N, C-alpha and C. Protein backbone atom coordinates (compact mmCIF):
# COMPACT_ATOMS: atom_id res chain seq x y z
N UNK A 1 -57.28 18.84 27.11
CA UNK A 1 -57.29 17.62 27.49
C UNK A 1 -58.62 17.20 28.20
N UNK A 2 -59.14 15.97 27.84
CA UNK A 2 -60.46 15.55 28.50
C UNK A 2 -60.19 15.19 30.00
N UNK A 3 -61.00 15.33 30.72
CA UNK A 3 -61.07 15.08 32.05
C UNK A 3 -61.08 13.64 32.44
N UNK A 4 -60.49 13.04 33.26
CA UNK A 4 -60.47 11.47 33.65
C UNK A 4 -61.61 11.37 34.65
N UNK A 5 -62.52 10.55 34.54
CA UNK A 5 -63.40 10.05 35.54
C UNK A 5 -63.56 8.57 35.57
N UNK A 6 -62.82 8.07 36.73
CA UNK A 6 -62.57 6.60 36.69
C UNK A 6 -61.56 6.20 35.52
N UNK A 7 -61.97 5.29 34.83
CA UNK A 7 -61.30 4.81 33.63
C UNK A 7 -61.65 5.41 32.40
N UNK A 8 -62.66 6.40 32.46
CA UNK A 8 -63.23 7.00 31.14
C UNK A 8 -62.60 8.46 31.16
N UNK A 9 -62.54 8.93 29.90
CA UNK A 9 -62.19 10.42 29.60
C UNK A 9 -63.52 11.09 29.21
N UNK A 10 -63.76 12.21 29.96
CA UNK A 10 -65.04 12.93 29.80
C UNK A 10 -64.70 13.95 28.68
N UNK A 11 -65.47 14.09 27.65
CA UNK A 11 -65.23 15.23 26.80
C UNK A 11 -65.43 16.45 27.37
N UNK A 12 -64.57 17.43 27.10
CA UNK A 12 -64.68 18.98 27.70
C UNK A 12 -66.09 19.38 27.44
N UNK A 13 -66.73 19.14 26.52
CA UNK A 13 -68.07 19.74 26.27
C UNK A 13 -69.16 19.11 27.21
N UNK A 14 -68.77 17.91 27.59
CA UNK A 14 -69.80 17.28 28.62
C UNK A 14 -69.50 17.76 30.04
N UNK A 15 -68.19 18.08 30.34
CA UNK A 15 -67.70 18.58 31.39
C UNK A 15 -68.35 20.08 31.76
N UNK A 16 -68.24 20.82 30.62
CA UNK A 16 -68.95 22.17 30.73
C UNK A 16 -70.32 22.15 30.83
N UNK A 17 -71.07 21.17 30.20
CA UNK A 17 -72.35 21.06 30.31
C UNK A 17 -72.80 20.68 31.83
N UNK A 18 -72.11 19.80 32.32
CA UNK A 18 -72.38 19.29 33.74
C UNK A 18 -72.20 20.41 34.59
N UNK A 19 -71.29 21.37 34.50
CA UNK A 19 -70.99 22.52 35.40
C UNK A 19 -72.09 23.50 35.22
N UNK A 20 -72.85 23.60 34.15
CA UNK A 20 -73.93 24.58 33.90
C UNK A 20 -75.26 23.90 34.33
N UNK A 21 -75.39 22.75 34.36
CA UNK A 21 -76.68 22.04 34.62
C UNK A 21 -77.25 22.55 35.89
N UNK A 22 -78.54 22.48 35.89
CA UNK A 22 -79.26 22.92 37.16
C UNK A 22 -79.22 21.82 38.11
N UNK A 23 -79.17 22.28 39.37
CA UNK A 23 -79.19 21.33 40.63
C UNK A 23 -80.48 20.92 40.85
N UNK A 24 -80.87 19.76 41.12
CA UNK A 24 -82.19 19.47 41.56
C UNK A 24 -82.18 19.58 43.01
N UNK A 25 -82.67 20.56 43.57
CA UNK A 25 -82.63 20.95 45.19
C UNK A 25 -83.51 20.01 45.84
N UNK A 26 -84.45 19.30 45.27
CA UNK A 26 -85.35 18.30 45.90
C UNK A 26 -84.59 17.11 46.12
N UNK A 27 -83.49 16.65 45.41
CA UNK A 27 -82.67 15.56 45.57
C UNK A 27 -81.39 15.86 46.50
N UNK A 28 -81.48 16.90 47.04
CA UNK A 28 -80.10 17.16 48.04
C UNK A 28 -80.45 16.35 49.26
N UNK A 29 -79.24 15.93 49.96
CA UNK A 29 -79.57 15.34 51.25
C UNK A 29 -79.58 16.26 52.40
N UNK A 30 -79.92 15.92 53.41
CA UNK A 30 -80.06 16.99 54.45
C UNK A 30 -78.62 17.54 54.80
N UNK A 31 -77.68 16.79 54.76
CA UNK A 31 -76.26 17.29 55.10
C UNK A 31 -75.94 18.30 53.97
N UNK A 32 -76.29 18.18 52.55
CA UNK A 32 -76.00 19.00 51.58
C UNK A 32 -76.93 20.37 51.83
N UNK A 33 -78.16 20.20 52.14
CA UNK A 33 -78.86 21.43 52.56
C UNK A 33 -78.26 22.24 53.67
N UNK A 34 -78.01 21.41 54.84
CA UNK A 34 -77.28 22.18 55.83
C UNK A 34 -76.04 22.85 55.43
N UNK A 35 -75.11 22.17 54.59
CA UNK A 35 -73.83 22.67 54.09
C UNK A 35 -74.09 24.13 53.37
N UNK A 36 -75.12 23.99 52.51
CA UNK A 36 -75.49 25.18 51.81
C UNK A 36 -75.74 26.42 52.48
N UNK A 37 -76.27 26.26 53.91
CA UNK A 37 -76.58 27.40 54.75
C UNK A 37 -75.50 27.98 55.37
N UNK A 38 -74.40 27.08 55.60
CA UNK A 38 -73.19 27.54 56.30
C UNK A 38 -72.36 28.59 55.40
N UNK A 39 -71.69 29.41 56.30
CA UNK A 39 -70.69 30.30 55.75
C UNK A 39 -69.20 29.98 55.96
N UNK A 40 -68.42 30.11 54.99
CA UNK A 40 -67.11 29.67 55.23
C UNK A 40 -66.35 31.11 55.66
N UNK A 41 -65.50 30.85 56.57
CA UNK A 41 -64.71 32.04 56.92
C UNK A 41 -63.31 31.64 57.34
N UNK A 42 -62.46 32.62 57.28
CA UNK A 42 -61.09 32.30 57.58
C UNK A 42 -60.75 33.19 58.72
N UNK A 43 -60.11 32.73 59.86
CA UNK A 43 -59.57 33.38 61.04
C UNK A 43 -58.17 33.15 61.17
N UNK A 44 -57.51 34.21 61.49
CA UNK A 44 -55.99 34.11 62.05
C UNK A 44 -55.98 33.72 63.41
N UNK A 45 -55.36 32.58 63.66
CA UNK A 45 -55.18 32.01 65.02
C UNK A 45 -53.86 31.83 65.43
N UNK A 46 -53.58 32.07 66.76
CA UNK A 46 -52.24 31.63 67.25
C UNK A 46 -52.05 30.15 67.15
N UNK A 47 -50.92 29.83 66.74
CA UNK A 47 -50.61 28.25 66.82
C UNK A 47 -51.06 27.56 68.01
N UNK A 48 -51.26 28.01 69.23
CA UNK A 48 -51.65 27.44 70.33
C UNK A 48 -53.11 27.19 70.29
N UNK A 49 -53.75 28.05 69.83
CA UNK A 49 -55.31 27.99 69.62
C UNK A 49 -55.65 26.76 68.56
N UNK A 50 -54.84 26.95 67.44
CA UNK A 50 -55.23 25.95 66.35
C UNK A 50 -54.87 24.55 66.89
N UNK A 51 -53.76 24.53 67.66
CA UNK A 51 -53.43 23.12 68.14
C UNK A 51 -54.53 22.51 69.40
N UNK A 52 -54.93 23.60 70.04
CA UNK A 52 -55.93 23.20 71.11
C UNK A 52 -57.25 22.83 70.31
N UNK A 53 -57.70 23.51 69.37
CA UNK A 53 -58.98 23.05 68.47
C UNK A 53 -58.63 21.68 67.90
N UNK A 54 -57.59 21.41 67.27
CA UNK A 54 -57.20 20.17 66.71
C UNK A 54 -57.17 19.03 67.88
N UNK A 55 -56.60 19.34 68.95
CA UNK A 55 -56.64 18.32 69.97
C UNK A 55 -58.12 17.90 70.55
N UNK A 56 -58.89 19.00 70.56
CA UNK A 56 -60.42 18.80 71.01
C UNK A 56 -61.06 18.04 69.89
N UNK A 57 -60.67 18.31 68.77
CA UNK A 57 -61.42 17.47 67.73
C UNK A 57 -61.03 16.12 67.55
N UNK A 58 -59.85 15.78 67.94
CA UNK A 58 -59.24 14.56 67.97
C UNK A 58 -60.06 13.76 69.02
N UNK A 59 -59.97 14.41 70.15
CA UNK A 59 -60.73 13.72 71.46
C UNK A 59 -62.23 13.49 71.20
N UNK A 60 -62.79 14.35 70.58
CA UNK A 60 -64.19 14.28 70.33
C UNK A 60 -64.43 13.55 68.93
N UNK A 61 -63.51 13.08 68.20
CA UNK A 61 -63.75 12.34 67.05
C UNK A 61 -64.44 13.12 66.01
N UNK A 62 -64.15 14.30 65.73
CA UNK A 62 -64.91 15.20 64.70
C UNK A 62 -63.95 15.91 64.13
N UNK A 63 -64.31 16.74 63.15
CA UNK A 63 -63.33 17.65 62.47
C UNK A 63 -62.93 18.96 63.20
N UNK A 64 -61.81 19.48 62.85
CA UNK A 64 -61.39 20.73 63.59
C UNK A 64 -62.48 21.83 63.32
N UNK A 65 -62.92 21.84 62.00
CA UNK A 65 -63.89 22.93 61.68
C UNK A 65 -65.12 22.87 62.35
N UNK A 66 -65.66 21.68 62.65
CA UNK A 66 -66.93 21.48 63.49
C UNK A 66 -66.63 21.67 64.99
N UNK A 67 -65.40 21.44 65.55
CA UNK A 67 -65.17 21.68 66.97
C UNK A 67 -65.06 23.18 67.11
N UNK A 68 -64.24 23.83 66.20
CA UNK A 68 -64.18 25.29 66.25
C UNK A 68 -65.59 26.06 66.17
N UNK A 69 -66.33 25.54 65.18
CA UNK A 69 -67.86 26.03 65.13
C UNK A 69 -68.60 26.02 66.56
N UNK A 70 -68.45 24.77 67.27
CA UNK A 70 -69.05 24.65 68.38
C UNK A 70 -68.59 25.42 69.53
N UNK A 71 -67.13 25.62 69.64
CA UNK A 71 -66.57 26.30 70.48
C UNK A 71 -66.89 27.82 70.46
N UNK A 72 -66.90 28.24 69.13
CA UNK A 72 -67.32 29.72 68.85
C UNK A 72 -68.66 30.06 69.16
N UNK A 73 -69.54 29.16 68.88
CA UNK A 73 -71.09 29.19 69.31
C UNK A 73 -71.22 29.25 70.75
N UNK A 74 -70.61 28.35 71.45
CA UNK A 74 -70.62 28.29 72.88
C UNK A 74 -70.16 29.57 73.46
N UNK A 75 -68.94 30.04 72.98
CA UNK A 75 -68.35 31.31 73.75
C UNK A 75 -69.30 32.56 73.31
N UNK A 76 -70.03 32.62 72.18
CA UNK A 76 -70.83 33.65 71.82
C UNK A 76 -72.09 33.69 72.80
N UNK A 77 -72.57 32.51 72.99
CA UNK A 77 -73.81 32.34 73.96
C UNK A 77 -73.34 32.85 75.22
N UNK A 78 -72.20 32.49 75.80
CA UNK A 78 -71.67 33.00 77.09
C UNK A 78 -71.48 34.45 77.12
N UNK A 79 -70.92 34.91 76.04
CA UNK A 79 -70.54 36.45 75.80
C UNK A 79 -71.89 37.16 76.12
N UNK A 80 -72.92 36.81 75.46
CA UNK A 80 -74.24 37.47 75.39
C UNK A 80 -75.05 37.12 76.58
N UNK A 81 -74.60 36.05 77.38
CA UNK A 81 -75.43 35.48 78.52
C UNK A 81 -75.66 36.40 79.63
N UNK A 82 -74.86 37.42 79.95
CA UNK A 82 -75.02 38.28 81.09
C UNK A 82 -74.79 37.71 82.42
N UNK A 83 -73.93 36.59 82.42
CA UNK A 83 -73.61 36.02 83.93
C UNK A 83 -72.13 36.22 83.98
N UNK A 84 -71.53 35.57 84.85
CA UNK A 84 -70.00 35.75 85.22
C UNK A 84 -69.24 35.32 84.11
N UNK A 85 -69.66 34.45 83.24
CA UNK A 85 -68.85 34.09 82.20
C UNK A 85 -68.68 35.21 81.09
N UNK A 86 -69.77 36.04 81.11
CA UNK A 86 -69.84 37.05 80.04
C UNK A 86 -68.94 38.12 80.55
N UNK A 87 -68.88 38.43 81.75
CA UNK A 87 -67.96 39.41 82.35
C UNK A 87 -66.57 38.96 82.03
N UNK A 88 -66.25 37.58 82.28
CA UNK A 88 -64.99 37.14 82.08
C UNK A 88 -64.39 37.19 80.67
N UNK A 89 -65.45 37.07 79.68
CA UNK A 89 -65.06 37.05 78.21
C UNK A 89 -64.89 38.65 77.99
N UNK A 90 -65.59 39.45 78.41
CA UNK A 90 -65.41 40.83 78.15
C UNK A 90 -64.15 41.35 78.78
N UNK A 91 -63.75 40.95 79.98
CA UNK A 91 -62.62 41.27 80.51
C UNK A 91 -61.42 40.79 79.70
N UNK A 92 -61.48 39.73 79.18
CA UNK A 92 -60.60 39.08 78.33
C UNK A 92 -60.31 39.98 76.97
N UNK A 93 -61.31 40.53 76.48
CA UNK A 93 -61.27 41.48 75.38
C UNK A 93 -60.45 42.70 75.79
N UNK A 94 -60.66 43.07 76.97
CA UNK A 94 -59.99 44.36 77.33
C UNK A 94 -58.54 44.01 77.75
N UNK A 95 -58.20 42.82 78.09
CA UNK A 95 -56.82 42.58 78.59
C UNK A 95 -55.80 42.67 77.38
N UNK A 96 -56.14 42.10 76.16
CA UNK A 96 -55.34 42.02 75.08
C UNK A 96 -55.53 43.26 74.21
N UNK A 97 -56.22 44.24 74.51
CA UNK A 97 -56.68 45.40 73.62
C UNK A 97 -55.52 46.46 73.44
N UNK A 98 -55.43 46.75 72.09
CA UNK A 98 -54.53 47.86 71.77
C UNK A 98 -55.05 48.75 70.68
N UNK A 99 -54.85 49.98 70.54
CA UNK A 99 -55.32 50.71 69.38
C UNK A 99 -54.87 50.08 68.05
N UNK A 100 -55.69 50.04 67.01
CA UNK A 100 -55.60 49.59 65.83
C UNK A 100 -54.94 50.77 65.00
N UNK A 101 -54.13 50.25 63.92
CA UNK A 101 -53.64 51.37 62.94
C UNK A 101 -54.29 51.32 61.63
N UNK A 102 -55.60 50.62 61.67
CA UNK A 102 -56.34 50.68 60.31
C UNK A 102 -57.60 51.28 60.69
N UNK A 103 -58.21 51.99 59.73
CA UNK A 103 -59.46 52.64 59.81
C UNK A 103 -60.74 51.61 60.02
N UNK A 104 -60.38 50.44 59.46
CA UNK A 104 -61.62 49.44 59.68
C UNK A 104 -62.15 49.13 60.96
N UNK A 105 -61.36 49.01 62.02
CA UNK A 105 -61.82 48.89 63.35
C UNK A 105 -60.88 49.67 64.22
N UNK A 106 -61.35 49.83 65.58
CA UNK A 106 -60.76 50.59 66.54
C UNK A 106 -59.63 49.99 67.34
N UNK A 107 -59.85 48.71 67.59
CA UNK A 107 -58.85 47.94 68.50
C UNK A 107 -58.42 46.57 67.80
N UNK A 108 -57.26 46.27 68.18
CA UNK A 108 -56.75 44.88 67.93
C UNK A 108 -56.85 44.16 69.24
N UNK A 109 -57.18 43.13 69.15
CA UNK A 109 -57.22 42.10 70.46
C UNK A 109 -56.54 40.83 70.14
N UNK A 110 -55.74 40.29 71.23
CA UNK A 110 -55.12 39.06 70.91
C UNK A 110 -55.31 38.30 72.23
N UNK A 111 -55.26 37.07 72.23
CA UNK A 111 -55.42 36.24 73.35
C UNK A 111 -54.22 36.49 74.31
N UNK A 112 -54.52 36.56 75.55
CA UNK A 112 -53.52 36.82 76.56
C UNK A 112 -52.48 35.71 76.54
N UNK A 113 -51.36 36.15 76.99
CA UNK A 113 -50.31 35.21 77.15
C UNK A 113 -50.49 34.10 78.20
N UNK A 114 -51.54 34.65 79.17
CA UNK A 114 -52.05 33.59 80.11
C UNK A 114 -52.73 32.47 79.47
N UNK A 115 -53.58 32.81 78.50
CA UNK A 115 -54.41 31.81 77.96
C UNK A 115 -53.61 30.99 76.99
N UNK A 116 -52.49 31.64 76.21
CA UNK A 116 -51.81 30.83 75.53
C UNK A 116 -50.85 29.84 76.26
N UNK A 117 -50.33 30.27 77.42
CA UNK A 117 -49.54 29.45 78.31
C UNK A 117 -50.46 28.11 78.87
N UNK A 118 -51.78 28.48 79.03
CA UNK A 118 -52.49 27.25 79.52
C UNK A 118 -52.82 26.34 78.33
N UNK A 119 -53.05 26.79 77.11
CA UNK A 119 -53.13 26.11 76.00
C UNK A 119 -51.89 25.30 75.52
N UNK A 120 -50.69 25.84 75.82
CA UNK A 120 -49.32 25.16 75.60
C UNK A 120 -49.28 23.89 76.55
N UNK A 121 -49.71 24.34 77.83
CA UNK A 121 -49.49 23.20 78.83
C UNK A 121 -50.44 21.98 78.54
N UNK A 122 -51.71 22.37 78.00
CA UNK A 122 -52.70 21.31 77.97
C UNK A 122 -52.41 20.49 76.58
N UNK A 123 -51.63 20.93 75.78
CA UNK A 123 -51.26 20.22 74.47
C UNK A 123 -50.37 19.10 74.56
N UNK A 124 -49.49 19.18 75.88
CA UNK A 124 -48.37 18.29 75.96
C UNK A 124 -48.80 17.17 77.00
């Protein structure tokens, strides 16, 4: 069946041609160029963490994805910073650490219940 675009039906051959057509990289917007450099990933999050990210995004009037990216970048800078925040982050990794049952990595780490309790309190 032909694809609908607005009030028109596109011929399947036209749709196939459009999908194979070369993209004019010179005509890309700066946002499209930035998006092409990004990498999409999926992370398993505790519901409290997901809720906190959504609340922060709502307060900052941005998307949850952008809020999470900024928070992760900020935490990574702190982790590698070598100051008191770096020690605190490294300690957090040790607090929720337990041996992994998979050969892919040595430890499983989870946010501490203290962290999750704080996030639960802040969401209400």
